[in-house]
Structures are given as structure tokens and as C-alpha cells.
Amino acid sequence: MKIVSNSYFITGAEGAGKSSLVPLIKKRFPNIDVHDFDSVGVPPNPQLQWRLDTTLHWIKIALKNQEKNKSTCIIGLSFPSEVEEFEESKKLNKILYCLLDMHEKERKKRLRKRNTPEMIEDLEQLNKLREDFKQTKYKTNIIDTSNLSLNEVANEIIDWLR
């Protein structure tokens, strides 16, 4: 029986808890190649082109892993519509997306705690992600992280990955 590798993208707006999940997911799924989207380095004031270039970088990693029948999980800010723009993504066996969503009040609380007040009122990213998920052709999952601990979010993702 041939093993089919999947490409998982776990995304969410600033404050959703994406980076905090990386070590938990790596530990629970040693057979999946798990990466933090930002591990390639984030420039000061990253622009759209940086995110697109980084998205393509991770799609190419997923393609290399696919050749080895290994699944890939990328955790970070990526949009399904942007993944769809790349020809390379059409070569992937299966792409699945998970949105870590949250109530705006909880997001403000988390961003204050992280000392990033400049982002508190910027809801454009969160709203764009929500809209993107409504329109994508990929299979999606949405987890509301507002009232969940990091371990509870990790458990929901683990259930989804299975």
C-alpha cells in the first residue's frame, strides 16, 4: 500500500498562538516534517512579496517531502488563495488548511500581553483570513482558540491531523 503524503497549513492572525504550537506538534508527530513559517527569517516590516516568496519556499519543501512520501506541516501566516496562485501547489497530493481563529477581544488581550499595541486595532489580517477560508477549494478546519489553552488547541490540531 502506497503512503500518500499531505501538506498541512496551519494559519491564523497575529496572536492566534501559531508559533507556540510548533514544538507541541513536532513532538506529537515525529513522522511529519513540521516547520514554523517564519523560521526562514522575517524582515522588519514584512511586505506581501516576502510572504509570497516564503509561501513558495514552503510549497517547494512540501514537494520534496512528497517525493519521499512524507507529509509536511507549515505553521504560520499563509493564505489559501496565495497558495493556490502557485503552479507548484497543483503538484501537491493533498493540501489541508486549519485556521486558528479567535474573538477580537481575546486577540486584543493577547497582543497587549505580547506588547504589540500597534497591531491591536488592525483586524484586516484576521478578517481577510476568515474570508479566504470561505472561498478556498481546499479542505479546511477552523478552531476557535479564544477560550482554549495551548494544550487544548494542540489536541484539536492533533485530532485534525489524524
N, C-alpha and C. Protein backbone atom coordinates (compact mmCIF):
# COMPACT_ATOMS: atom_id res chain seq x y z
N MET A 1 0.83 -1.18 0.00
CA MET A 1 0.00 0.00 0.00
C MET A 1 0.88 1.24 0.00
N LYS A 2 0.61 2.15 -0.93
CA LYS A 2 1.40 3.36 -1.04
C LYS A 2 0.93 4.40 -0.01
N ILE A 3 1.89 5.01 0.67
CA ILE A 3 1.57 6.08 1.62
C ILE A 3 1.40 7.37 0.84
N VAL A 4 0.31 8.08 1.12
CA VAL A 4 0.07 9.36 0.46
C VAL A 4 0.43 10.47 1.44
N SER A 5 1.31 11.35 1.03
CA SER A 5 1.69 12.45 1.90
C SER A 5 0.75 13.63 1.69
N ASN A 6 0.50 14.34 2.77
CA ASN A 6 -0.35 15.52 2.74
C ASN A 6 0.48 16.75 3.05
N SER A 7 -0.04 17.90 2.66
CA SER A 7 0.57 19.18 3.02
C SER A 7 -0.44 19.93 3.87
N TYR A 8 -0.07 20.21 5.11
CA TYR A 8 -0.94 20.90 6.05
C TYR A 8 -0.42 22.31 6.26
N PHE A 9 -1.34 23.26 6.19
CA PHE A 9 -1.01 24.65 6.50
C PHE A 9 -1.89 25.08 7.67
N ILE A 10 -1.25 25.42 8.78
CA ILE A 10 -1.97 25.91 9.95
C ILE A 10 -1.68 27.40 10.04
N THR A 11 -2.72 28.19 9.97
CA THR A 11 -2.55 29.63 9.88
C THR A 11 -3.44 30.35 10.89
N GLY A 12 -3.24 31.62 11.01
CA GLY A 12 -4.04 32.46 11.89
C GLY A 12 -3.41 33.83 11.97
N ALA A 13 -4.19 34.79 12.42
CA ALA A 13 -3.70 36.16 12.54
C ALA A 13 -2.73 36.28 13.72
N GLU A 14 -2.08 37.42 13.82
CA GLU A 14 -1.19 37.70 14.95
C GLU A 14 -1.91 37.41 16.26
N GLY A 15 -1.26 36.67 17.15
CA GLY A 15 -1.82 36.40 18.46
C GLY A 15 -2.60 35.10 18.55
N ALA A 16 -2.72 34.36 17.46
CA ALA A 16 -3.52 33.13 17.47
C ALA A 16 -2.81 31.98 18.19
N GLY A 17 -1.50 32.08 18.35
CA GLY A 17 -0.74 31.03 19.04
C GLY A 17 -0.01 30.09 18.11
N LYS A 18 0.19 30.49 16.86
CA LYS A 18 0.81 29.61 15.87
C LYS A 18 2.20 29.14 16.28
N SER A 19 3.08 30.08 16.57
CA SER A 19 4.47 29.72 16.87
C SER A 19 4.58 28.88 18.13
N SER A 20 3.71 29.11 19.09
CA SER A 20 3.73 28.33 20.33
C SER A 20 3.38 26.87 20.10
N LEU A 21 2.66 26.59 19.03
CA LEU A 21 2.22 25.22 18.74
C LEU A 21 3.28 24.36 18.07
N VAL A 22 4.23 24.99 17.41
CA VAL A 22 5.21 24.24 16.62
C VAL A 22 5.87 23.11 17.41
N PRO A 23 6.46 23.40 18.59
CA PRO A 23 7.13 22.29 19.31
C PRO A 23 6.17 21.19 19.75
N LEU A 24 4.94 21.55 20.10
CA LEU A 24 3.97 20.53 20.52
C LEU A 24 3.60 19.61 19.36
N ILE A 25 3.40 20.18 18.19
CA ILE A 25 3.02 19.38 17.01
C ILE A 25 4.22 18.52 16.57
N LYS A 26 5.42 19.09 16.60
CA LYS A 26 6.62 18.32 16.25
C LYS A 26 6.76 17.09 17.15
N LYS A 27 6.54 17.31 18.44
CA LYS A 27 6.70 16.22 19.40
C LYS A 27 5.68 15.11 19.18
N ARG A 28 4.45 15.49 18.89
CA ARG A 28 3.38 14.50 18.74
C ARG A 28 3.40 13.79 17.38
N PHE A 29 4.01 14.43 16.37
CA PHE A 29 4.04 13.85 15.02
C PHE A 29 5.46 13.84 14.46
N PRO A 30 6.31 12.97 14.99
CA PRO A 30 7.70 12.94 14.51
C PRO A 30 7.82 12.51 13.05
N ASN A 31 6.79 11.89 12.49
CA ASN A 31 6.85 11.44 11.09
C ASN A 31 6.40 12.52 10.10
N ILE A 32 5.95 13.65 10.63
CA ILE A 32 5.55 14.77 9.77
C ILE A 32 6.64 15.83 9.87
N ASP A 33 7.03 16.40 8.75
CA ASP A 33 8.02 17.47 8.72
C ASP A 33 7.32 18.78 9.08
N VAL A 34 7.48 19.22 10.33
CA VAL A 34 6.77 20.40 10.86
C VAL A 34 7.71 21.59 10.88
N HIS A 35 7.21 22.73 10.37
CA HIS A 35 8.02 23.96 10.31
C HIS A 35 7.22 25.17 10.75
N ASP A 36 7.92 26.10 11.37
CA ASP A 36 7.37 27.43 11.62
C ASP A 36 7.59 28.24 10.35
N PHE A 37 6.53 28.78 9.80
CA PHE A 37 6.59 29.55 8.55
C PHE A 37 7.70 30.60 8.61
N ASP A 38 7.86 31.24 9.77
CA ASP A 38 8.81 32.34 9.92
C ASP A 38 10.26 31.90 10.16
N SER A 39 10.50 30.60 10.21
CA SER A 39 11.85 30.12 10.53
C SER A 39 12.88 30.50 9.48
N VAL A 40 12.44 30.92 8.31
CA VAL A 40 13.38 31.36 7.27
C VAL A 40 13.87 32.77 7.52
N GLY A 41 13.29 33.42 8.54
CA GLY A 41 13.66 34.80 8.87
C GLY A 41 12.61 35.77 8.39
N VAL A 42 12.29 36.71 9.23
CA VAL A 42 11.27 37.72 8.91
C VAL A 42 11.94 39.09 8.88
N PRO A 43 11.83 39.79 7.76
CA PRO A 43 12.43 41.13 7.70
C PRO A 43 11.63 42.13 8.54
N PRO A 44 12.23 43.23 8.91
CA PRO A 44 11.46 44.27 9.58
C PRO A 44 10.36 44.76 8.63
N ASN A 45 9.18 44.94 9.14
CA ASN A 45 8.04 45.37 8.32
C ASN A 45 7.86 44.50 7.08
N PRO A 46 7.63 43.20 7.27
CA PRO A 46 7.49 42.31 6.11
C PRO A 46 6.32 42.73 5.21
N GLN A 47 6.55 42.66 3.94
CA GLN A 47 5.56 43.04 2.95
C GLN A 47 4.98 41.79 2.30
N LEU A 48 3.95 41.98 1.47
CA LEU A 48 3.28 40.87 0.79
C LEU A 48 4.27 40.02 0.00
N GLN A 49 5.22 40.64 -0.69
CA GLN A 49 6.15 39.86 -1.52
C GLN A 49 6.96 38.89 -0.67
N TRP A 50 7.34 39.29 0.54
CA TRP A 50 8.07 38.39 1.42
C TRP A 50 7.19 37.17 1.76
N ARG A 51 5.91 37.42 2.08
CA ARG A 51 5.03 36.31 2.43
C ARG A 51 4.83 35.38 1.23
N LEU A 52 4.70 35.94 0.03
CA LEU A 52 4.53 35.11 -1.17
C LEU A 52 5.80 34.28 -1.43
N ASP A 53 6.96 34.91 -1.32
CA ASP A 53 8.22 34.19 -1.52
C ASP A 53 8.37 33.06 -0.50
N THR A 54 8.00 33.35 0.74
CA THR A 54 8.11 32.35 1.80
C THR A 54 7.11 31.22 1.60
N THR A 55 5.91 31.56 1.16
CA THR A 55 4.90 30.54 0.86
C THR A 55 5.43 29.60 -0.22
N LEU A 56 5.99 30.15 -1.27
CA LEU A 56 6.55 29.31 -2.34
C LEU A 56 7.69 28.44 -1.81
N HIS A 57 8.52 29.00 -0.96
CA HIS A 57 9.61 28.21 -0.34
C HIS A 57 9.03 26.98 0.35
N TRP A 58 7.97 27.14 1.13
CA TRP A 58 7.40 26.01 1.87
C TRP A 58 6.67 25.04 0.96
N ILE A 59 6.07 25.53 -0.10
CA ILE A 59 5.45 24.62 -1.08
C ILE A 59 6.53 23.73 -1.70
N LYS A 60 7.67 24.31 -2.01
CA LYS A 60 8.77 23.53 -2.59
C LYS A 60 9.30 22.49 -1.59
N ILE A 61 9.35 22.84 -0.31
CA ILE A 61 9.75 21.87 0.72
C ILE A 61 8.73 20.73 0.76
N ALA A 62 7.45 21.09 0.71
CA ALA A 62 6.40 20.06 0.73
C ALA A 62 6.52 19.14 -0.48
N LEU A 63 6.86 19.68 -1.63
CA LEU A 63 7.04 18.85 -2.83
C LEU A 63 8.22 17.89 -2.66
N LYS A 64 9.32 18.36 -2.08
CA LYS A 64 10.47 17.48 -1.83
C LYS A 64 10.08 16.37 -0.86
N ASN A 65 9.33 16.73 0.17
CA ASN A 65 8.89 15.73 1.13
C ASN A 65 7.94 14.72 0.49
N GLN A 66 7.10 15.22 -0.39
CA GLN A 66 6.14 14.35 -1.08
C GLN A 66 6.86 13.27 -1.86
N GLU A 67 7.99 13.63 -2.48
CA GLU A 67 8.79 12.65 -3.21
C GLU A 67 9.27 11.52 -2.31
N LYS A 68 9.40 11.81 -1.01
CA LYS A 68 9.84 10.82 -0.02
C LYS A 68 8.65 10.21 0.73
N ASN A 69 7.43 10.49 0.24
CA ASN A 69 6.20 10.03 0.91
C ASN A 69 6.10 10.52 2.35
N LYS A 70 6.52 11.75 2.56
CA LYS A 70 6.49 12.35 3.90
C LYS A 70 5.56 13.56 3.87
N SER A 71 4.70 13.65 4.87
CA SER A 71 3.80 14.80 4.98
C SER A 71 4.54 16.01 5.55
N THR A 72 4.02 17.18 5.25
CA THR A 72 4.61 18.45 5.68
C THR A 72 3.54 19.27 6.38
N CYS A 73 3.92 19.93 7.46
CA CYS A 73 3.02 20.82 8.17
C CYS A 73 3.73 22.16 8.35
N ILE A 74 3.14 23.21 7.80
CA ILE A 74 3.68 24.56 7.91
C ILE A 74 2.75 25.35 8.81
N ILE A 75 3.32 25.93 9.86
CA ILE A 75 2.52 26.68 10.83
C ILE A 75 2.95 28.14 10.77
N GLY A 76 2.05 29.00 10.32
CA GLY A 76 2.35 30.42 10.22
C GLY A 76 1.36 31.11 9.31
N LEU A 77 1.57 32.40 9.13
CA LEU A 77 0.63 33.21 8.37
C LEU A 77 0.73 32.92 6.87
N SER A 78 -0.22 32.15 6.38
CA SER A 78 -0.33 31.90 4.94
C SER A 78 -1.81 31.89 4.59
N PHE A 79 -2.09 32.28 3.37
CA PHE A 79 -3.47 32.38 2.90
C PHE A 79 -3.73 31.33 1.82
N PRO A 80 -4.83 30.59 1.91
CA PRO A 80 -5.14 29.61 0.87
C PRO A 80 -5.11 30.19 -0.54
N SER A 81 -5.64 31.39 -0.70
CA SER A 81 -5.69 31.99 -2.04
C SER A 81 -4.28 32.22 -2.60
N GLU A 82 -3.33 32.51 -1.71
CA GLU A 82 -1.96 32.72 -2.17
C GLU A 82 -1.30 31.39 -2.52
N VAL A 83 -1.58 30.35 -1.75
CA VAL A 83 -1.05 29.03 -2.08
C VAL A 83 -1.56 28.61 -3.46
N GLU A 84 -2.84 28.85 -3.72
CA GLU A 84 -3.45 28.47 -4.99
C GLU A 84 -2.83 29.16 -6.18
N GLU A 85 -2.21 30.33 -5.98
CA GLU A 85 -1.62 31.08 -7.09
C GLU A 85 -0.41 30.38 -7.71
N PHE A 86 0.23 29.51 -6.96
CA PHE A 86 1.47 28.90 -7.43
C PHE A 86 1.21 27.60 -8.19
N GLU A 87 1.83 27.48 -9.35
CA GLU A 87 1.73 26.25 -10.14
C GLU A 87 2.23 25.05 -9.35
N GLU A 88 3.27 25.28 -8.55
CA GLU A 88 3.86 24.20 -7.76
C GLU A 88 2.85 23.56 -6.82
N SER A 89 1.92 24.35 -6.30
CA SER A 89 0.94 23.80 -5.36
C SER A 89 0.01 22.79 -6.03
N LYS A 90 -0.17 22.91 -7.32
CA LYS A 90 -1.03 21.97 -8.06
C LYS A 90 -0.40 20.58 -8.15
N LYS A 91 0.89 20.48 -7.87
CA LYS A 91 1.59 19.19 -7.90
C LYS A 91 1.52 18.46 -6.56
N LEU A 92 1.02 19.14 -5.54
CA LEU A 92 0.92 18.50 -4.23
C LEU A 92 -0.26 17.55 -4.20
N ASN A 93 -0.09 16.40 -3.54
CA ASN A 93 -1.15 15.39 -3.47
C ASN A 93 -2.43 15.96 -2.87
N LYS A 94 -2.29 16.50 -1.68
CA LYS A 94 -3.46 16.98 -0.96
C LYS A 94 -3.02 18.11 -0.04
N ILE A 95 -3.75 19.22 -0.07
CA ILE A 95 -3.49 20.36 0.81
C ILE A 95 -4.67 20.50 1.74
N LEU A 96 -4.38 20.62 3.02
CA LEU A 96 -5.41 20.85 4.02
C LEU A 96 -5.03 22.08 4.84
N TYR A 97 -6.02 22.86 5.18
CA TYR A 97 -5.81 24.11 5.88
C TYR A 97 -6.55 24.15 7.20
N CYS A 98 -5.90 24.70 8.20
CA CYS A 98 -6.54 24.92 9.50
C CYS A 98 -6.35 26.38 9.89
N LEU A 99 -7.43 27.03 10.24
CA LEU A 99 -7.39 28.43 10.69
C LEU A 99 -7.55 28.45 12.20
N LEU A 100 -6.58 29.05 12.86
CA LEU A 100 -6.68 29.30 14.29
C LEU A 100 -7.34 30.67 14.43
N ASP A 101 -8.60 30.64 14.76
CA ASP A 101 -9.40 31.86 14.85
C ASP A 101 -9.54 32.26 16.31
N MET A 102 -10.03 33.46 16.55
CA MET A 102 -10.27 33.91 17.92
C MET A 102 -11.18 35.12 17.90
N HIS A 103 -11.82 35.35 19.03
CA HIS A 103 -12.64 36.54 19.17
C HIS A 103 -11.72 37.76 19.20
N GLU A 104 -12.23 38.87 18.68
CA GLU A 104 -11.40 40.08 18.62
C GLU A 104 -10.97 40.55 20.01
N LYS A 105 -11.82 40.39 21.00
CA LYS A 105 -11.49 40.79 22.37
C LYS A 105 -10.30 39.97 22.90
N GLU A 106 -10.31 38.66 22.62
CA GLU A 106 -9.21 37.80 23.05
C GLU A 106 -7.93 38.16 22.31
N ARG A 107 -8.05 38.48 21.04
CA ARG A 107 -6.87 38.86 20.24
C ARG A 107 -6.22 40.11 20.84
N LYS A 108 -7.04 41.10 21.18
CA LYS A 108 -6.51 42.34 21.78
C LYS A 108 -5.77 42.03 23.08
N LYS A 109 -6.34 41.16 23.88
CA LYS A 109 -5.73 40.78 25.16
C LYS A 109 -4.36 40.12 24.92
N ARG A 110 -4.30 39.21 23.97
CA ARG A 110 -3.03 38.51 23.68
C ARG A 110 -1.98 39.45 23.12
N LEU A 111 -2.40 40.37 22.25
CA LEU A 111 -1.43 41.30 21.66
C LEU A 111 -0.92 42.29 22.70
N ARG A 112 -1.76 42.71 23.63
CA ARG A 112 -1.31 43.57 24.73
C ARG A 112 -0.25 42.83 25.57
N LYS A 113 -0.52 41.56 25.83
CA LYS A 113 0.40 40.74 26.61
C LYS A 113 1.75 40.60 25.89
N ARG A 114 1.71 40.53 24.57
CA ARG A 114 2.94 40.42 23.76
C ARG A 114 3.61 41.76 23.53
N ASN A 115 2.95 42.82 24.00
CA ASN A 115 3.45 44.19 23.84
C ASN A 115 3.58 44.59 22.37
N THR A 116 2.51 44.30 21.61
CA THR A 116 2.45 44.72 20.21
C THR A 116 1.17 45.55 20.01
N PRO A 117 1.10 46.71 20.69
CA PRO A 117 -0.13 47.51 20.64
C PRO A 117 -0.46 48.04 19.25
N GLU A 118 0.54 48.18 18.39
CA GLU A 118 0.28 48.70 17.04
C GLU A 118 -0.61 47.78 16.22
N MET A 119 -0.71 46.53 16.62
CA MET A 119 -1.50 45.56 15.85
C MET A 119 -2.90 45.36 16.42
N ILE A 120 -3.18 45.87 17.58
CA ILE A 120 -4.43 45.59 18.27
C ILE A 120 -5.65 45.98 17.45
N GLU A 121 -5.65 47.15 16.89
CA GLU A 121 -6.81 47.62 16.14
C GLU A 121 -6.80 47.16 14.68
N ASP A 122 -5.72 46.54 14.25
CA ASP A 122 -5.61 46.07 12.87
C ASP A 122 -6.29 44.71 12.74
N LEU A 123 -7.54 44.72 12.34
CA LEU A 123 -8.30 43.47 12.19
C LEU A 123 -8.35 43.00 10.74
N GLU A 124 -7.69 43.73 9.85
CA GLU A 124 -7.73 43.38 8.44
C GLU A 124 -7.21 41.97 8.17
N GLN A 125 -6.10 41.62 8.80
CA GLN A 125 -5.50 40.30 8.59
C GLN A 125 -6.45 39.19 9.03
N LEU A 126 -7.02 39.34 10.20
CA LEU A 126 -7.95 38.35 10.74
C LEU A 126 -9.18 38.22 9.83
N ASN A 127 -9.74 39.33 9.43
CA ASN A 127 -10.93 39.29 8.57
C ASN A 127 -10.62 38.73 7.19
N LYS A 128 -9.44 39.05 6.66
CA LYS A 128 -9.05 38.52 5.34
C LYS A 128 -8.88 37.00 5.40
N LEU A 129 -8.27 36.51 6.48
CA LEU A 129 -8.12 35.06 6.63
C LEU A 129 -9.48 34.37 6.68
N ARG A 130 -10.40 34.93 7.46
CA ARG A 130 -11.74 34.34 7.55
C ARG A 130 -12.41 34.30 6.18
N GLU A 131 -12.29 35.36 5.43
CA GLU A 131 -12.90 35.42 4.09
C GLU A 131 -12.22 34.43 3.15
N ASP A 132 -10.91 34.35 3.22
CA ASP A 132 -10.14 33.43 2.38
C ASP A 132 -10.57 31.99 2.61
N PHE A 133 -10.83 31.63 3.85
CA PHE A 133 -11.26 30.27 4.17
C PHE A 133 -12.63 29.95 3.59
N LYS A 134 -13.47 30.95 3.47
CA LYS A 134 -14.80 30.72 2.88
C LYS A 134 -14.69 30.41 1.39
N GLN A 135 -13.65 30.92 0.74
CA GLN A 135 -13.56 30.83 -0.71
C GLN A 135 -12.60 29.77 -1.24
N THR A 136 -11.81 29.15 -0.38
CA THR A 136 -10.81 28.22 -0.87
C THR A 136 -11.42 26.90 -1.34
N LYS A 137 -10.72 26.26 -2.26
CA LYS A 137 -11.14 24.95 -2.75
C LYS A 137 -10.60 23.83 -1.86
N TYR A 138 -9.66 24.18 -0.98
CA TYR A 138 -9.04 23.17 -0.13
C TYR A 138 -9.93 22.82 1.05
N LYS A 139 -9.72 21.61 1.57
CA LYS A 139 -10.45 21.18 2.75
C LYS A 139 -9.92 21.98 3.94
N THR A 140 -10.83 22.54 4.73
CA THR A 140 -10.42 23.41 5.82
C THR A 140 -11.00 22.96 7.17
N ASN A 141 -10.36 23.45 8.19
CA ASN A 141 -10.80 23.26 9.56
C ASN A 141 -10.59 24.60 10.27
N ILE A 142 -11.53 25.00 11.10
CA ILE A 142 -11.40 26.24 11.85
C ILE A 142 -11.50 25.90 13.33
N ILE A 143 -10.52 26.35 14.09
CA ILE A 143 -10.51 26.14 15.53
C ILE A 143 -10.55 27.51 16.20
N ASP A 144 -11.57 27.74 17.01
CA ASP A 144 -11.67 28.97 17.78
C ASP A 144 -10.80 28.80 19.02
N THR A 145 -9.69 29.52 19.07
CA THR A 145 -8.73 29.38 20.17
C THR A 145 -9.02 30.31 21.34
N SER A 146 -10.07 31.10 21.24
CA SER A 146 -10.34 32.15 22.23
C SER A 146 -10.34 31.66 23.67
N ASN A 147 -11.00 30.55 23.93
CA ASN A 147 -11.15 30.07 25.30
C ASN A 147 -10.41 28.75 25.54
N LEU A 148 -9.44 28.46 24.68
CA LEU A 148 -8.70 27.20 24.80
C LEU A 148 -7.27 27.46 25.26
N SER A 149 -6.76 26.54 26.07
CA SER A 149 -5.34 26.60 26.43
C SER A 149 -4.52 26.14 25.23
N LEU A 150 -3.23 26.37 25.29
CA LEU A 150 -2.34 25.93 24.22
C LEU A 150 -2.44 24.42 24.03
N ASN A 151 -2.48 23.66 25.12
CA ASN A 151 -2.59 22.20 25.01
C ASN A 151 -3.92 21.79 24.40
N GLU A 152 -5.00 22.50 24.71
CA GLU A 152 -6.30 22.17 24.13
C GLU A 152 -6.30 22.44 22.62
N VAL A 153 -5.67 23.54 22.22
CA VAL A 153 -5.56 23.84 20.79
C VAL A 153 -4.73 22.76 20.12
N ALA A 154 -3.61 22.39 20.75
CA ALA A 154 -2.76 21.33 20.19
C ALA A 154 -3.54 20.04 20.03
N ASN A 155 -4.35 19.68 21.01
CA ASN A 155 -5.14 18.46 20.93
C ASN A 155 -6.15 18.52 19.78
N GLU A 156 -6.75 19.67 19.57
CA GLU A 156 -7.68 19.81 18.43
C GLU A 156 -6.94 19.66 17.11
N ILE A 157 -5.75 20.22 17.01
CA ILE A 157 -4.96 20.10 15.78
C ILE A 157 -4.53 18.64 15.59
N ILE A 158 -4.15 18.00 16.67
CA ILE A 158 -3.73 16.59 16.60
C ILE A 158 -4.89 15.73 16.09
N ASP A 159 -6.10 15.97 16.60
CA ASP A 159 -7.27 15.25 16.10
C ASP A 159 -7.47 15.50 14.61
N TRP A 160 -7.30 16.74 14.19
CA TRP A 160 -7.46 17.11 12.78
C TRP A 160 -6.40 16.44 11.91
N LEU A 161 -5.14 16.41 12.39
CA LEU A 161 -4.07 15.80 11.61
C LEU A 161 -4.27 14.29 11.45
N ARG A 162 -4.94 13.67 12.40
CA ARG A 162 -5.19 12.23 12.29
C ARG A 162 -6.26 12.00 11.27
